[in-house]
Amino acid sequence: MKFAALIHHDPKRGDVRAVFPEHRRYLRSLLEGGQLLAAGPLTDDAGALWIFEAETPEAAAAMIRADPSHAAGVFLKWKIHPLAYWSAKAAKGA
């Protein structure tokens, strides 16, 4: 099942940038494992959006909690939504 997660963090925390290399490696591992479809920071520095694959909402939350940014206390909160994912790139051939 696909999910979208809106993850909020405090952009004024110095450890946001300090943990970024580990966070990026974690996201790359999800991408390489076929679990992460898209992710990126919000341009207002409020956090990030992830679109990813998980079996259940609980498994999706566990993936967020496994991020080094969560372990460092950077993530303040998140909201996970089930997603009816539609890829414009995939639909191009339809």
PDB file of N, CA and C in Angstrom:
ATOM      1  N   MET A   1       0.837  -1.167   0.000  1.00  0.00           N
ATOM      2  CA  MET A   1       0.000   0.000   0.000  1.00  0.00           C
ATOM      3  C   MET A   1       0.891   1.241   0.000  1.00  0.00           C
ATOM      4  N   LYS A   2       0.426   2.240  -0.682  1.00  0.00           N
ATOM      5  CA  LYS A   2       1.207   3.470  -0.754  1.00  0.00           C
ATOM      6  C   LYS A   2       0.693   4.484   0.269  1.00  0.00           C
ATOM      7  N   PHE A   3       1.640   5.269   0.789  1.00  0.00           N
ATOM      8  CA  PHE A   3       1.327   6.278   1.791  1.00  0.00           C
ATOM      9  C   PHE A   3       2.045   7.577   1.445  1.00  0.00           C
ATOM     10  N   ALA A   4       1.445   8.676   1.897  1.00  0.00           N
ATOM     11  CA  ALA A   4       2.108   9.979   1.872  1.00  0.00           C
ATOM     12  C   ALA A   4       2.261  10.399   3.323  1.00  0.00           C
ATOM     13  N   ALA A   5       3.422  10.889   3.662  1.00  0.00           N
ATOM     14  CA  ALA A   5       3.669  11.366   5.024  1.00  0.00           C
ATOM     15  C   ALA A   5       4.162  12.799   4.967  1.00  0.00           C
ATOM     16  N   LEU A   6       3.530  13.632   5.749  1.00  0.00           N
ATOM     17  CA  LEU A   6       3.981  15.002   5.926  1.00  0.00           C
ATOM     18  C   LEU A   6       4.699  15.027   7.270  1.00  0.00           C
ATOM     19  N   ILE A   7       5.994  15.284   7.226  1.00  0.00           N
ATOM     20  CA  ILE A   7       6.843  15.223   8.413  1.00  0.00           C
ATOM     21  C   ILE A   7       7.298  16.635   8.762  1.00  0.00           C
ATOM     22  N   HIS A   8       7.028  17.057   9.987  1.00  0.00           N
ATOM     23  CA  HIS A   8       7.401  18.407  10.431  1.00  0.00           C
ATOM     24  C   HIS A   8       8.649  18.345  11.305  1.00  0.00           C
ATOM     25  N   HIS A   9       9.500  19.342  11.122  1.00  0.00           N
ATOM     26  CA  HIS A   9      10.675  19.470  11.972  1.00  0.00           C
ATOM     27  C   HIS A   9      10.885  20.948  12.299  1.00  0.00           C
ATOM     28  N   ASP A  10      11.767  21.202  13.227  1.00  0.00           N
ATOM     29  CA  ASP A  10      12.104  22.569  13.609  1.00  0.00           C
ATOM     30  C   ASP A  10      13.340  22.989  12.816  1.00  0.00           C
ATOM     31  N   PRO A  11      13.175  23.852  11.811  1.00  0.00           N
ATOM     32  CA  PRO A  11      14.316  24.224  10.966  1.00  0.00           C
ATOM     33  C   PRO A  11      15.396  25.003  11.703  1.00  0.00           C
ATOM     34  N   LYS A  12      15.109  25.498  12.897  1.00  0.00           N
ATOM     35  CA  LYS A  12      16.108  26.270  13.646  1.00  0.00           C
ATOM     36  C   LYS A  12      17.050  25.382  14.445  1.00  0.00           C
ATOM     37  N   ARG A  13      16.732  24.112  14.532  1.00  0.00           N
ATOM     38  CA  ARG A  13      17.609  23.187  15.264  1.00  0.00           C
ATOM     39  C   ARG A  13      18.891  22.964  14.468  1.00  0.00           C
ATOM     40  N   GLY A  14      20.010  23.105  15.110  1.00  0.00           N
ATOM     41  CA  GLY A  14      21.294  22.915  14.445  1.00  0.00           C
ATOM     42  C   GLY A  14      21.513  21.493  13.975  1.00  0.00           C
ATOM     43  N   ASP A  15      20.906  20.517  14.661  1.00  0.00           N
ATOM     44  CA  ASP A  15      21.145  19.126  14.285  1.00  0.00           C
ATOM     45  C   ASP A  15      20.383  18.695  13.041  1.00  0.00           C
ATOM     46  N   VAL A  16      19.507  19.542  12.492  1.00  0.00           N
ATOM     47  CA  VAL A  16      18.838  19.214  11.228  1.00  0.00           C
ATOM     48  C   VAL A  16      19.906  18.987  10.163  1.00  0.00           C
ATOM     49  N   ARG A  17      20.829  19.911  10.056  1.00  0.00           N
ATOM     50  CA  ARG A  17      21.912  19.785   9.059  1.00  0.00           C
ATOM     51  C   ARG A  17      22.945  18.747   9.474  1.00  0.00           C
ATOM     52  N   ALA A  18      23.185  18.617  10.758  1.00  0.00           N
ATOM     53  CA  ALA A  18      24.206  17.674  11.233  1.00  0.00           C
ATOM     54  C   ALA A  18      23.831  16.229  10.919  1.00  0.00           C
ATOM     55  N   VAL A  19      22.563  15.906  11.012  1.00  0.00           N
ATOM     56  CA  VAL A  19      22.130  14.522  10.784  1.00  0.00           C
ATOM     57  C   VAL A  19      21.777  14.276   9.315  1.00  0.00           C
ATOM     58  N   PHE A  20      21.803  15.316   8.493  1.00  0.00           N
ATOM     59  CA  PHE A  20      21.381  15.191   7.096  1.00  0.00           C
ATOM     60  C   PHE A  20      22.096  14.086   6.324  1.00  0.00           C
ATOM     61  N   PRO A  21      23.421  13.930   6.412  1.00  0.00           N
ATOM     62  CA  PRO A  21      24.065  12.847   5.647  1.00  0.00           C
ATOM     63  C   PRO A  21      23.523  11.458   6.018  1.00  0.00           C
ATOM     64  N   GLU A  22      23.292  11.202   7.301  1.00  0.00           N
ATOM     65  CA  GLU A  22      22.731   9.914   7.713  1.00  0.00           C
ATOM     66  C   GLU A  22      21.285   9.770   7.236  1.00  0.00           C
ATOM     67  N   HIS A  23      20.526  10.845   7.331  1.00  0.00           N
ATOM     68  CA  HIS A  23      19.136  10.862   6.863  1.00  0.00           C
ATOM     69  C   HIS A  23      19.087  10.537   5.365  1.00  0.00           C
ATOM     70  N   ARG A  24      19.972  11.176   4.620  1.00  0.00           N
ATOM     71  CA  ARG A  24      19.999  10.954   3.168  1.00  0.00           C
ATOM     72  C   ARG A  24      20.375   9.508   2.836  1.00  0.00           C
ATOM     73  N   ARG A  25      21.332   8.925   3.571  1.00  0.00           N
ATOM     74  CA  ARG A  25      21.687   7.512   3.357  1.00  0.00           C
ATOM     75  C   ARG A  25      20.497   6.600   3.656  1.00  0.00           C
ATOM     76  N   TYR A  26      19.752   6.931   4.697  1.00  0.00           N
ATOM     77  CA  TYR A  26      18.578   6.139   5.041  1.00  0.00           C
ATOM     78  C   TYR A  26      17.542   6.201   3.911  1.00  0.00           C
ATOM     79  N   LEU A  27      17.268   7.406   3.418  1.00  0.00           N
ATOM     80  CA  LEU A  27      16.311   7.534   2.320  1.00  0.00           C
ATOM     81  C   LEU A  27      16.790   6.792   1.076  1.00  0.00           C
ATOM     82  N   ARG A  28      18.094   6.852   0.807  1.00  0.00           N
ATOM     83  CA  ARG A  28      18.640   6.124  -0.347  1.00  0.00           C
ATOM     84  C   ARG A  28      18.425   4.620  -0.188  1.00  0.00           C
ATOM     85  N   SER A  29      18.574   4.108   1.035  1.00  0.00           N
ATOM     86  CA  SER A  29      18.354   2.674   1.266  1.00  0.00           C
ATOM     87  C   SER A  29      16.890   2.310   1.020  1.00  0.00           C
ATOM     88  N   LEU A  30      15.963   3.192   1.395  1.00  0.00           N
ATOM     89  CA  LEU A  30      14.544   2.944   1.114  1.00  0.00           C
ATOM     90  C   LEU A  30      14.277   2.983  -0.385  1.00  0.00           C
ATOM     91  N   LEU A  31      14.913   3.906  -1.066  1.00  0.00           N
ATOM     92  CA  LEU A  31      14.761   4.010  -2.519  1.00  0.00           C
ATOM     93  C   LEU A  31      15.285   2.751  -3.208  1.00  0.00           C
ATOM     94  N   GLU A  32      16.476   2.343  -2.825  1.00  0.00           N
ATOM     95  CA  GLU A  32      17.079   1.153  -3.431  1.00  0.00           C
ATOM     96  C   GLU A  32      16.300  -0.108  -3.101  1.00  0.00           C
ATOM     97  N   GLY A  33      15.610  -0.118  -1.950  1.00  0.00           N
ATOM     98  CA  GLY A  33      14.785  -1.264  -1.563  1.00  0.00           C
ATOM     99  C   GLY A  33      13.398  -1.237  -2.184  1.00  0.00           C
ATOM    100  N   GLY A  34      13.102  -0.210  -2.980  1.00  0.00           N
ATOM    101  CA  GLY A  34      11.815  -0.116  -3.644  1.00  0.00           C
ATOM    102  C   GLY A  34      10.687   0.392  -2.757  1.00  0.00           C
ATOM    103  N   GLN A  35      11.030   0.894  -1.564  1.00  0.00           N
ATOM    104  CA  GLN A  35       9.997   1.373  -0.646  1.00  0.00           C
ATOM    105  C   GLN A  35       9.696   2.857  -0.809  1.00  0.00           C
ATOM    106  N   LEU A  36      10.675   3.633  -1.204  1.00  0.00           N
ATOM    107  CA  LEU A  36      10.508   5.079  -1.336  1.00  0.00           C
ATOM    108  C   LEU A  36      10.236   5.422  -2.795  1.00  0.00           C
ATOM    109  N   LEU A  37       9.138   6.131  -3.042  1.00  0.00           N
ATOM    110  CA  LEU A  37       8.787   6.552  -4.395  1.00  0.00           C
ATOM    111  C   LEU A  37       9.220   7.982  -4.667  1.00  0.00           C
ATOM    112  N   ALA A  38       9.098   8.829  -3.664  1.00  0.00           N
ATOM    113  CA  ALA A  38       9.492  10.236  -3.795  1.00  0.00           C
ATOM    114  C   ALA A  38       9.637  10.822  -2.400  1.00  0.00           C
ATOM    115  N   ALA A  39      10.500  11.813  -2.279  1.00  0.00           N
ATOM    116  CA  ALA A  39      10.670  12.518  -1.008  1.00  0.00           C
ATOM    117  C   ALA A  39      11.354  13.841  -1.289  1.00  0.00           C
ATOM    118  N   GLY A  40      11.061  14.807  -0.450  1.00  0.00           N
ATOM    119  CA  GLY A  40      11.738  16.076  -0.603  1.00  0.00           C
ATOM    120  C   GLY A  40      11.327  17.055   0.471  1.00  0.00           C
ATOM    121  N   PRO A  41      12.171  18.054   0.684  1.00  0.00           N
ATOM    122  CA  PRO A  41      11.882  19.072   1.695  1.00  0.00           C
ATOM    123  C   PRO A  41      10.796  20.026   1.212  1.00  0.00           C
ATOM    124  N   LEU A  42      10.038  20.562   2.139  1.00  0.00           N
ATOM    125  CA  LEU A  42       9.079  21.613   1.820  1.00  0.00           C
ATOM    126  C   LEU A  42       9.842  22.919   1.714  1.00  0.00           C
ATOM    127  N   THR A  43       9.481  23.751   0.787  1.00  0.00           N
ATOM    128  CA  THR A  43      10.268  24.966   0.545  1.00  0.00           C
ATOM    129  C   THR A  43      10.096  26.024   1.627  1.00  0.00           C
ATOM    130  N   ASP A  44       9.143  25.824   2.537  1.00  0.00           N
ATOM    131  CA  ASP A  44       8.997  26.782   3.637  1.00  0.00           C
ATOM    132  C   ASP A  44       9.742  26.326   4.890  1.00  0.00           C
ATOM    133  N   ASP A  45      10.595  25.295   4.744  1.00  0.00           N
ATOM    134  CA  ASP A  45      11.413  24.759   5.834  1.00  0.00           C
ATOM    135  C   ASP A  45      10.603  24.152   6.978  1.00  0.00           C
ATOM    136  N   ALA A  46       9.352  23.795   6.716  1.00  0.00           N
ATOM    137  CA  ALA A  46       8.515  23.220   7.772  1.00  0.00           C
ATOM    138  C   ALA A  46       8.725  21.721   7.923  1.00  0.00           C
ATOM    139  N   GLY A  47       9.366  21.092   6.945  1.00  0.00           N
ATOM    140  CA  GLY A  47       9.564  19.647   7.014  1.00  0.00           C
ATOM    141  C   GLY A  47       9.726  19.044   5.640  1.00  0.00           C
ATOM    142  N   ALA A  48       9.110  17.867   5.465  1.00  0.00           N
ATOM    143  CA  ALA A  48       9.293  17.140   4.210  1.00  0.00           C
ATOM    144  C   ALA A  48       8.052  16.319   3.885  1.00  0.00           C
ATOM    145  N   LEU A  49       7.973  15.900   2.639  1.00  0.00           N
ATOM    146  CA  LEU A  49       6.924  15.011   2.165  1.00  0.00           C
ATOM    147  C   LEU A  49       7.577  13.732   1.676  1.00  0.00           C
ATOM    148  N   TRP A  50       7.081  12.604   2.140  1.00  0.00           N
ATOM    149  CA  TRP A  50       7.533  11.303   1.652  1.00  0.00           C
ATOM    150  C   TRP A  50       6.357  10.613   0.994  1.00  0.00           C
ATOM    151  N   ILE A  51       6.599   9.940  -0.100  1.00  0.00           N
ATOM    152  CA  ILE A  51       5.635   9.027  -0.709  1.00  0.00           C
ATOM    153  C   ILE A  51       6.338   7.683  -0.745  1.00  0.00           C
ATOM    154  N   PHE A  52       5.730   6.697  -0.082  1.00  0.00           N
ATOM    155  CA  PHE A  52       6.423   5.428   0.075  1.00  0.00           C
ATOM    156  C   PHE A  52       5.460   4.261   0.175  1.00  0.00           C
ATOM    157  N   GLU A  53       6.017   3.081   0.118  1.00  0.00           N
ATOM    158  CA  GLU A  53       5.291   1.828   0.134  1.00  0.00           C
ATOM    159  C   GLU A  53       5.509   1.143   1.477  1.00  0.00           C
ATOM    160  N   ALA A  54       4.404   0.690   2.097  1.00  0.00           N
ATOM    161  CA  ALA A  54       4.477  -0.066   3.349  1.00  0.00           C
ATOM    162  C   ALA A  54       3.243  -0.957   3.418  1.00  0.00           C
ATOM    163  N   GLU A  55       3.326  -1.995   4.221  1.00  0.00           N
ATOM    164  CA  GLU A  55       2.212  -2.934   4.356  1.00  0.00           C
ATOM    165  C   GLU A  55       1.021  -2.328   5.108  1.00  0.00           C
ATOM    166  N   THR A  56       1.303  -1.548   6.137  1.00  0.00           N
ATOM    167  CA  THR A  56       0.259  -0.994   6.999  1.00  0.00           C
ATOM    168  C   THR A  56       0.651   0.421   7.431  1.00  0.00           C
ATOM    169  N   PRO A  57      -0.297   1.176   7.960  1.00  0.00           N
ATOM    170  CA  PRO A  57       0.073   2.496   8.506  1.00  0.00           C
ATOM    171  C   PRO A  57       1.103   2.376   9.629  1.00  0.00           C
ATOM    172  N   GLU A  58       1.017   1.314  10.422  1.00  0.00           N
ATOM    173  CA  GLU A  58       1.985   1.113  11.500  1.00  0.00           C
ATOM    174  C   GLU A  58       3.387   0.862  10.946  1.00  0.00           C
ATOM    175  N   ALA A  59       3.463   0.095   9.865  1.00  0.00           N
ATOM    176  CA  ALA A  59       4.763  -0.150   9.225  1.00  0.00           C
ATOM    177  C   ALA A  59       5.309   1.135   8.615  1.00  0.00           C
ATOM    178  N   ALA A  60       4.420   1.977   8.085  1.00  0.00           N
ATOM    179  CA  ALA A  60       4.847   3.270   7.543  1.00  0.00           C
ATOM    180  C   ALA A  60       5.424   4.141   8.657  1.00  0.00           C
ATOM    181  N   ALA A  61       4.748   4.167   9.809  1.00  0.00           N
ATOM    182  CA  ALA A  61       5.247   4.949  10.941  1.00  0.00           C
ATOM    183  C   ALA A  61       6.589   4.403  11.432  1.00  0.00           C
ATOM    184  N   ALA A  62       6.743   3.085  11.406  1.00  0.00           N
ATOM    185  CA  ALA A  62       8.011   2.481  11.830  1.00  0.00           C
ATOM    186  C   ALA A  62       9.146   2.906  10.910  1.00  0.00           C
ATOM    187  N   MET A  63       8.862   3.064   9.620  1.00  0.00           N
ATOM    188  CA  MET A  63       9.894   3.518   8.679  1.00  0.00           C
ATOM    189  C   MET A  63      10.333   4.944   9.010  1.00  0.00           C
ATOM    190  N   ILE A  64       9.389   5.778   9.396  1.00  0.00           N
ATOM    191  CA  ILE A  64       9.736   7.152   9.775  1.00  0.00           C
ATOM    192  C   ILE A  64      10.547   7.146  11.070  1.00  0.00           C
ATOM    193  N   ARG A  65      10.103   6.344  12.042  1.00  0.00           N
ATOM    194  CA  ARG A  65      10.833   6.276  13.321  1.00  0.00           C
ATOM    195  C   ARG A  65      12.243   5.722  13.145  1.00  0.00           C
ATOM    196  N   ALA A  66      12.487   4.927  12.093  1.00  0.00           N
ATOM    197  CA  ALA A  66      13.818   4.358  11.851  1.00  0.00           C
ATOM    198  C   ALA A  66      14.781   5.366  11.216  1.00  0.00           C
ATOM    199  N   ASP A  67      14.270   6.503  10.784  1.00  0.00           N
ATOM    200  CA  ASP A  67      15.120   7.532  10.173  1.00  0.00           C
ATOM    201  C   ASP A  67      16.037   8.132  11.244  1.00  0.00           C
ATOM    202  N   PRO A  68      17.316   8.307  10.941  1.00  0.00           N
ATOM    203  CA  PRO A  68      18.232   8.934  11.902  1.00  0.00           C
ATOM    204  C   PRO A  68      17.771  10.322  12.369  1.00  0.00           C
ATOM    205  N   SER A  69      17.020  11.017  11.544  1.00  0.00           N
ATOM    206  CA  SER A  69      16.507  12.328  11.952  1.00  0.00           C
ATOM    207  C   SER A  69      15.522  12.198  13.112  1.00  0.00           C
ATOM    208  N   HIS A  70      14.757  11.124  13.110  1.00  0.00           N
ATOM    209  CA  HIS A  70      13.841  10.897  14.237  1.00  0.00           C
ATOM    210  C   HIS A  70      14.635  10.554  15.488  1.00  0.00           C
ATOM    211  N   ALA A  71      15.618   9.677  15.349  1.00  0.00           N
ATOM    212  CA  ALA A  71      16.442   9.289  16.498  1.00  0.00           C
ATOM    213  C   ALA A  71      17.153  10.498  17.100  1.00  0.00           C
ATOM    214  N   ALA A  72      17.505  11.478  16.270  1.00  0.00           N
ATOM    215  CA  ALA A  72      18.193  12.684  16.745  1.00  0.00           C
ATOM    216  C   ALA A  72      17.221  13.718  17.314  1.00  0.00           C
ATOM    217  N   GLY A  73      15.913  13.427  17.246  1.00  0.00           N
ATOM    218  CA  GLY A  73      14.927  14.354  17.777  1.00  0.00           C
ATOM    219  C   GLY A  73      14.574  15.491  16.849  1.00  0.00           C
ATOM    220  N   VAL A  74      14.946  15.375  15.589  1.00  0.00           N
ATOM    221  CA  VAL A  74      14.680  16.436  14.620  1.00  0.00           C
ATOM    222  C   VAL A  74      13.204  16.446  14.208  1.00  0.00           C
ATOM    223  N   PHE A  75      12.610  15.265  14.000  1.00  0.00           N
ATOM    224  CA  PHE A  75      11.206  15.201  13.591  1.00  0.00           C
ATOM    225  C   PHE A  75      10.323  15.564  14.784  1.00  0.00           C
ATOM    226  N   LEU A  76       9.478  16.558  14.624  1.00  0.00           N
ATOM    227  CA  LEU A  76       8.568  16.976  15.687  1.00  0.00           C
ATOM    228  C   LEU A  76       7.299  16.128  15.684  1.00  0.00           C
ATOM    229  N   LYS A  77       6.744  15.926  14.495  1.00  0.00           N
ATOM    230  CA  LYS A  77       5.525  15.137  14.338  1.00  0.00           C
ATOM    231  C   LYS A  77       5.361  14.787  12.871  1.00  0.00           C
ATOM    232  N   TRP A  78       4.451  13.859  12.612  1.00  0.00           N
ATOM    233  CA  TRP A  78       4.143  13.505  11.229  1.00  0.00           C
ATOM    234  C   TRP A  78       2.709  13.036  11.140  1.00  0.00           C
ATOM    235  N   LYS A  79       2.192  13.081   9.937  1.00  0.00           N
ATOM    236  CA  LYS A  79       0.854  12.593   9.632  1.00  0.00           C
ATOM    237  C   LYS A  79       0.974  11.712   8.408  1.00  0.00           C
ATOM    238  N   ILE A  80       0.457  10.499   8.517  1.00  0.00           N
ATOM    239  CA  ILE A  80       0.530   9.528   7.426  1.00  0.00           C
ATOM    240  C   ILE A  80      -0.866   9.370   6.827  1.00  0.00           C
ATOM    241  N   HIS A  81      -0.926   9.406   5.505  1.00  0.00           N
ATOM    242  CA  HIS A  81      -2.186   9.258   4.783  1.00  0.00           C
ATOM    243  C   HIS A  81      -2.063   8.134   3.757  1.00  0.00           C
ATOM    244  N   PRO A  82      -3.084   7.271   3.618  1.00  0.00           N
ATOM    245  CA  PRO A  82      -3.086   6.309   2.521  1.00  0.00           C
ATOM    246  C   PRO A  82      -3.155   7.095   1.211  1.00  0.00           C
ATOM    247  N   LEU A  83      -2.525   6.588   0.194  1.00  0.00           N
ATOM    248  CA  LEU A  83      -2.411   7.335  -1.056  1.00  0.00           C
ATOM    249  C   LEU A  83      -2.816   6.478  -2.240  1.00  0.00           C
ATOM    250  N   ALA A  84      -3.689   7.014  -3.067  1.00  0.00           N
ATOM    251  CA  ALA A  84      -4.008   6.393  -4.359  1.00  0.00           C
ATOM    252  C   ALA A  84      -2.996   6.991  -5.337  1.00  0.00           C
ATOM    253  N   TYR A  85      -1.827   6.371  -5.399  1.00  0.00           N
ATOM    254  CA  TYR A  85      -0.699   6.919  -6.155  1.00  0.00           C
ATOM    255  C   TYR A  85      -0.940   6.806  -7.652  1.00  0.00           C
ATOM    256  N   TRP A  86      -0.712   7.879  -8.341  1.00  0.00           N
ATOM    257  CA  TRP A  86      -0.824   7.918  -9.785  1.00  0.00           C
ATOM    258  C   TRP A  86       0.414   8.616 -10.308  1.00  0.00           C
ATOM    259  N   SER A  87       1.128   7.929 -11.165  1.00  0.00           N
ATOM    260  CA  SER A  87       2.360   8.495 -11.706  1.00  0.00           C
ATOM    261  C   SER A  87       2.121   9.016 -13.116  1.00  0.00           C
ATOM    262  N   ALA A  88       2.342  10.287 -13.303  1.00  0.00           N
ATOM    263  CA  ALA A  88       2.203  10.873 -14.646  1.00  0.00           C
ATOM    264  C   ALA A  88       3.172  10.223 -15.617  1.00  0.00           C
ATOM    265  N   LYS A  89       4.361   9.878 -15.125  1.00  0.00           N
ATOM    266  CA  LYS A  89       5.358   9.246 -15.971  1.00  0.00           C
ATOM    267  C   LYS A  89       4.865   7.873 -16.446  1.00  0.00           C
ATOM    268  N   ALA A  90       4.277   7.088 -15.531  1.00  0.00           N
ATOM    269  CA  ALA A  90       3.772   5.777 -15.896  1.00  0.00           C
ATOM    270  C   ALA A  90       2.548   5.893 -16.799  1.00  0.00           C
ATOM    271  N   ALA A  91       1.728   6.914 -16.590  1.00  0.00           N
ATOM    272  CA  ALA A  91       0.510   7.088 -17.375  1.00  0.00           C
ATOM    273  C   ALA A  91       0.793   7.606 -18.774  1.00  0.00           C
ATOM    274  N   LYS A  92       1.975   8.142 -18.993  1.00  0.00           N
ATOM    275  CA  LYS A  92       2.335   8.715 -20.288  1.00  0.00           C
ATOM    276  C   LYS A  92       2.139   7.705 -21.407  1.00  0.00           C
ATOM    277  N   GLY A  93       2.441   6.448 -21.126  1.00  0.00           N
ATOM    278  CA  GLY A  93       2.292   5.397 -22.141  1.00  0.00           C
ATOM    279  C   GLY A  93       0.877   4.865 -22.248  1.00  0.00           C
ATOM    280  N   ALA A  94      -0.016   5.283 -21.336  1.00  0.00           N
ATOM    281  CA  ALA A  94      -1.399   4.763 -21.321  1.00  0.00           C
ATOM    282  C   ALA A  94      -2.264   5.436 -22.360  1.00  0.00           C
TER     283      ALA A  94
END
